[in-house]
C-alpha atoms as a PDB file:
ATOM      1  CA  UNK A   1     -24.327  85.197-139.710  1.00  0.00           C
ATOM      2  CA  UNK A   2     -26.430  87.948-138.189  1.00  0.00           C
ATOM      3  CA  UNK A   3     -29.694  87.530-136.335  1.00  0.00           C
ATOM      4  CA  UNK A   4     -32.092  90.176-135.106  1.00  0.00           C
ATOM      5  CA  UNK A   5     -35.081  89.317-132.962  1.00  0.00           C
ATOM      6  CA  UNK A   6     -38.101  91.562-132.672  1.00  0.00           C
ATOM      7  CA  UNK A   7     -41.745  91.470-131.719  1.00  0.00           C
ATOM      8  CA  UNK A   8     -41.460  91.492-127.954  1.00  0.00           C
ATOM      9  CA  UNK A   9     -43.562  93.696-125.780  1.00  0.00           C
ATOM     10  CA  UNK A  10     -46.082  93.830-122.985  1.00  0.00           C
ATOM     11  CA  UNK A  11     -48.992  91.400-123.118  1.00  0.00           C
ATOM     12  CA  UNK A  12     -51.633  90.315-120.645  1.00  0.00           C
ATOM     13  CA  UNK A  13     -51.683  86.819-119.264  1.00  0.00           C
ATOM     14  CA  UNK A  14     -53.574  84.553-121.598  1.00  0.00           C
ATOM     15  CA  UNK A  15     -52.623  86.638-124.591  1.00  0.00           C
ATOM     16  CA  UNK A  16     -50.523  85.882-127.645  1.00  0.00           C
ATOM     17  CA  UNK A  17     -47.394  87.286-129.189  1.00  0.00           C
ATOM     18  CA  UNK A  18     -45.412  86.504-132.316  1.00  0.00           C
ATOM     19  CA  UNK A  19     -41.667  86.957-132.324  1.00  0.00           C
ATOM     20  CA  UNK A  20     -39.620  87.171-135.485  1.00  0.00           C
ATOM     21  CA  UNK A  21     -35.926  86.803-136.132  1.00  0.00           C
ATOM     22  CA  UNK A  22     -34.402  88.132-139.311  1.00  0.00           C
ATOM     23  CA  UNK A  23     -31.390  86.089-140.363  1.00  0.00           C
ATOM     24  CA  UNK A  24     -28.723  87.129-142.822  1.00  0.00           C
ATOM     25  CA  UNK A  25     -25.760  85.151-144.075  1.00  0.00           C
ATOM     26  CA  UNK A  26     -27.172  81.761-143.081  1.00  0.00           C
ATOM     27  CA  UNK A  27     -25.394  78.950-144.947  1.00  0.00           C
ATOM     28  CA  UNK A  28     -27.437  76.288-146.663  1.00  0.00           C
ATOM     29  CA  UNK A  29     -26.338  73.723-144.093  1.00  0.00           C
ATOM     30  CA  UNK A  30     -26.849  74.368-140.419  1.00  0.00           C
ATOM     31  CA  UNK A  31     -27.587  72.255-137.377  1.00  0.00           C
ATOM     32  CA  UNK A  32     -30.497  74.177-135.938  1.00  0.00           C
ATOM     33  CA  UNK A  33     -32.319  77.480-135.619  1.00  0.00           C
ATOM     34  CA  UNK A  34     -33.536  78.022-132.097  1.00  0.00           C
ATOM     35  CA  UNK A  35     -35.377  80.272-129.727  1.00  0.00           C
ATOM     36  CA  UNK A  36     -34.053  80.562-126.194  1.00  0.00           C
ATOM     37  CA  UNK A  37     -35.221  82.668-123.308  1.00  0.00           C
ATOM     38  CA  UNK A  38     -33.510  84.022-120.257  1.00  0.00           C
ATOM     39  CA  UNK A  39     -35.168  85.024-117.031  1.00  0.00           C
ATOM     40  CA  UNK A  40     -33.024  87.373-114.917  1.00  0.00           C
ATOM     41  CA  UNK A  41     -30.699  85.430-112.662  1.00  0.00           C
ATOM     42  CA  UNK A  42     -31.089  82.189-114.575  1.00  0.00           C
ATOM     43  CA  UNK A  43     -29.472  80.483-117.539  1.00  0.00           C
ATOM     44  CA  UNK A  44     -30.789  80.705-121.071  1.00  0.00           C
ATOM     45  CA  UNK A  45     -33.120  77.850-121.743  1.00  0.00           C
ATOM     46  CA  UNK A  46     -34.336  76.385-124.992  1.00  0.00           C
ATOM     47  CA  UNK A  47     -37.859  77.288-125.979  1.00  0.00           C
ATOM     48  CA  UNK A  48     -38.008  75.782-129.461  1.00  0.00           C
ATOM     49  CA  UNK A  49     -35.676  74.291-132.039  1.00  0.00           C
ATOM     50  CA  UNK A  50     -35.927  73.801-135.759  1.00  0.00           C
ATOM     51  CA  UNK A  51     -33.279  71.347-136.879  1.00  0.00           C
ATOM     52  CA  UNK A  52     -31.621  71.619-140.260  1.00  0.00           C
ATOM     53  CA  UNK A  53     -33.369  68.433-141.353  1.00  0.00           C
ATOM     54  CA  UNK A  54     -36.746  69.912-140.471  1.00  0.00           C
ATOM     55  CA  UNK A  55     -37.455  68.235-137.156  1.00  0.00           C
ATOM     56  CA  UNK A  56     -38.916  70.442-134.462  1.00  0.00           C
ATOM     57  CA  UNK A  57     -38.371  70.200-130.714  1.00  0.00           C
ATOM     58  CA  UNK A  58     -39.834  72.212-127.877  1.00  0.00           C
ATOM     59  CA  UNK A  59     -38.655  72.893-124.368  1.00  0.00           C
ATOM     60  CA  UNK A  60     -40.902  71.698-121.573  1.00  0.00           C
ATOM     61  CA  UNK A  61     -41.726  75.165-120.226  1.00  0.00           C
ATOM     62  CA  UNK A  62     -43.741  76.304-123.220  1.00  0.00           C
ATOM     63  CA  UNK A  63     -44.563  73.075-125.035  1.00  0.00           C
ATOM     64  CA  UNK A  64     -48.064  73.177-126.431  1.00  0.00           C
ATOM     65  CA  UNK A  65     -48.155  76.961-126.315  1.00  0.00           C
ATOM     66  CA  UNK A  66     -45.512  77.837-128.909  1.00  0.00           C
ATOM     67  CA  UNK A  67     -44.853  77.061-132.543  1.00  0.00           C
ATOM     68  CA  UNK A  68     -41.553  77.581-134.325  1.00  0.00           C
ATOM     69  CA  UNK A  69     -41.476  78.078-138.065  1.00  0.00           C
ATOM     70  CA  UNK A  70     -39.274  79.498-140.767  1.00  0.00           C
ATOM     71  CA  UNK A  71     -39.916  81.533-143.875  1.00  0.00           C
ATOM     72  CA  UNK A  72     -37.123  80.287-146.123  1.00  0.00           C
ATOM     73  CA  UNK A  73     -37.708  82.899-148.779  1.00  0.00           C
ATOM     74  CA  UNK A  74     -37.467  85.868-146.452  1.00  0.00           C
ATOM     75  CA  UNK A  75     -35.104  84.087-144.037  1.00  0.00           C
ATOM     76  CA  UNK A  76     -37.221  84.838-141.013  1.00  0.00           C
ATOM     77  CA  UNK A  77     -37.566  82.571-138.022  1.00  0.00           C
ATOM     78  CA  UNK A  78     -40.878  82.845-136.191  1.00  0.00           C
ATOM     79  CA  UNK A  79     -42.050  81.989-132.722  1.00  0.00           C
ATOM     80  CA  UNK A  80     -45.788  82.055-132.189  1.00  0.00           C
ATOM     81  CA  UNK A  81     -46.683  82.139-128.520  1.00  0.00           C
ATOM     82  CA  UNK A  82     -50.132  81.766-127.032  1.00  0.00           C
ATOM     83  CA  UNK A  83     -51.759  81.473-123.609  1.00  0.00           C
ATOM     84  CA  UNK A  84     -48.856  83.409-122.141  1.00  0.00           C
ATOM     85  CA  UNK A  85     -48.225  83.282-118.414  1.00  0.00           C
ATOM     86  CA  UNK A  86     -46.458  85.667-116.080  1.00  0.00           C
ATOM     87  CA  UNK A  87     -43.616  83.179-115.756  1.00  0.00           C
ATOM     88  CA  UNK A  88     -42.988  83.529-119.487  1.00  0.00           C
ATOM     89  CA  UNK A  89     -41.609  87.000-118.825  1.00  0.00           C
ATOM     90  CA  UNK A  90     -38.049  86.896-120.141  1.00  0.00           C
ATOM     91  CA  UNK A  91     -35.692  88.103-122.809  1.00  0.00           C
ATOM     92  CA  UNK A  92     -36.110  85.919-125.877  1.00  0.00           C
ATOM     93  CA  UNK A  93     -33.159  85.224-128.163  1.00  0.00           C
ATOM     94  CA  UNK A  94     -32.885  83.634-131.558  1.00  0.00           C
ATOM     95  CA  UNK A  95     -29.898  81.421-132.219  1.00  0.00           C
ATOM     96  CA  UNK A  96     -28.295  79.608-135.106  1.00  0.00           C
ATOM     97  CA  UNK A  97     -26.050  76.580-134.603  1.00  0.00           C
ATOM     98  CA  UNK A  98     -23.672  76.092-137.495  1.00  0.00           C
ATOM     99  CA  UNK A  99     -20.658  73.903-138.187  1.00  0.00           C
ATOM    100  CA  UNK A 100     -18.551  72.107-135.597  1.00  0.00           C
ATOM    101  CA  UNK A 101     -20.298  71.793-132.249  1.00  0.00           C
ATOM    102  CA  UNK A 102     -16.923  72.125-130.499  1.00  0.00           C
ATOM    103  CA  UNK A 103     -16.051  75.344-132.280  1.00  0.00           C
ATOM    104  CA  UNK A 104     -16.343  78.595-130.320  1.00  0.00           C
ATOM    105  CA  UNK A 105     -18.248  80.004-133.283  1.00  0.00           C
ATOM    106  CA  UNK A 106     -20.865  77.230-133.279  1.00  0.00           C
ATOM    107  CA  UNK A 107     -23.514  79.387-131.649  1.00  0.00           C
ATOM    108  CA  UNK A 108     -24.632  82.615-133.259  1.00  0.00           C
ATOM    109  CA  UNK A 109     -26.836  84.910-131.223  1.00  0.00           C
ATOM    110  CA  UNK A 110     -28.960  87.884-131.976  1.00  0.00           C
ATOM    111  CA  UNK A 111     -29.939  90.612-129.572  1.00  0.00           C
ATOM    112  CA  UNK A 112     -32.821  89.554-127.441  1.00  0.00           C
ATOM    113  CA  UNK A 113     -36.309  90.937-127.351  1.00  0.00           C
ATOM    114  CA  UNK A 114     -38.087  91.511-124.057  1.00  0.00           C
ATOM    115  CA  UNK A 115     -41.417  89.830-123.434  1.00  0.00           C
ATOM    116  CA  UNK A 116     -43.322  90.932-120.365  1.00  0.00           C
ATOM    117  CA  UNK A 117     -46.531  89.210-119.343  1.00  0.00           C
ATOM    118  CA  UNK A 118     -48.751  91.034-116.892  1.00  0.00           C
ATOM    119  CA  UNK A 119     -51.499  89.560-114.763  1.00  0.00           C
END
């Protein structure tokens, strides 16, 4: 499974940005497709999750300001972000969770995309 995130950039506070993640080799059954973010010096934290069964969950930090969705035909995972704040500045990663949760290959990561929010 390969994932490639894109769409990051510089945006003013209050603005919007859409991130995309192109996925290849995704099996028909997976646990979840996720967006995480990492602020320098901190751990990666969940922003949004799309479970294999279709349920959606959002992390507290951006709840109400982000929407996760998937284009099944093109195999693209989207993250629509609005009303961005300076504290949303981070590297954003897409992630796929597949198979046995205890397996070292459970998590698949793409390269991150930098989002910088200016005041």
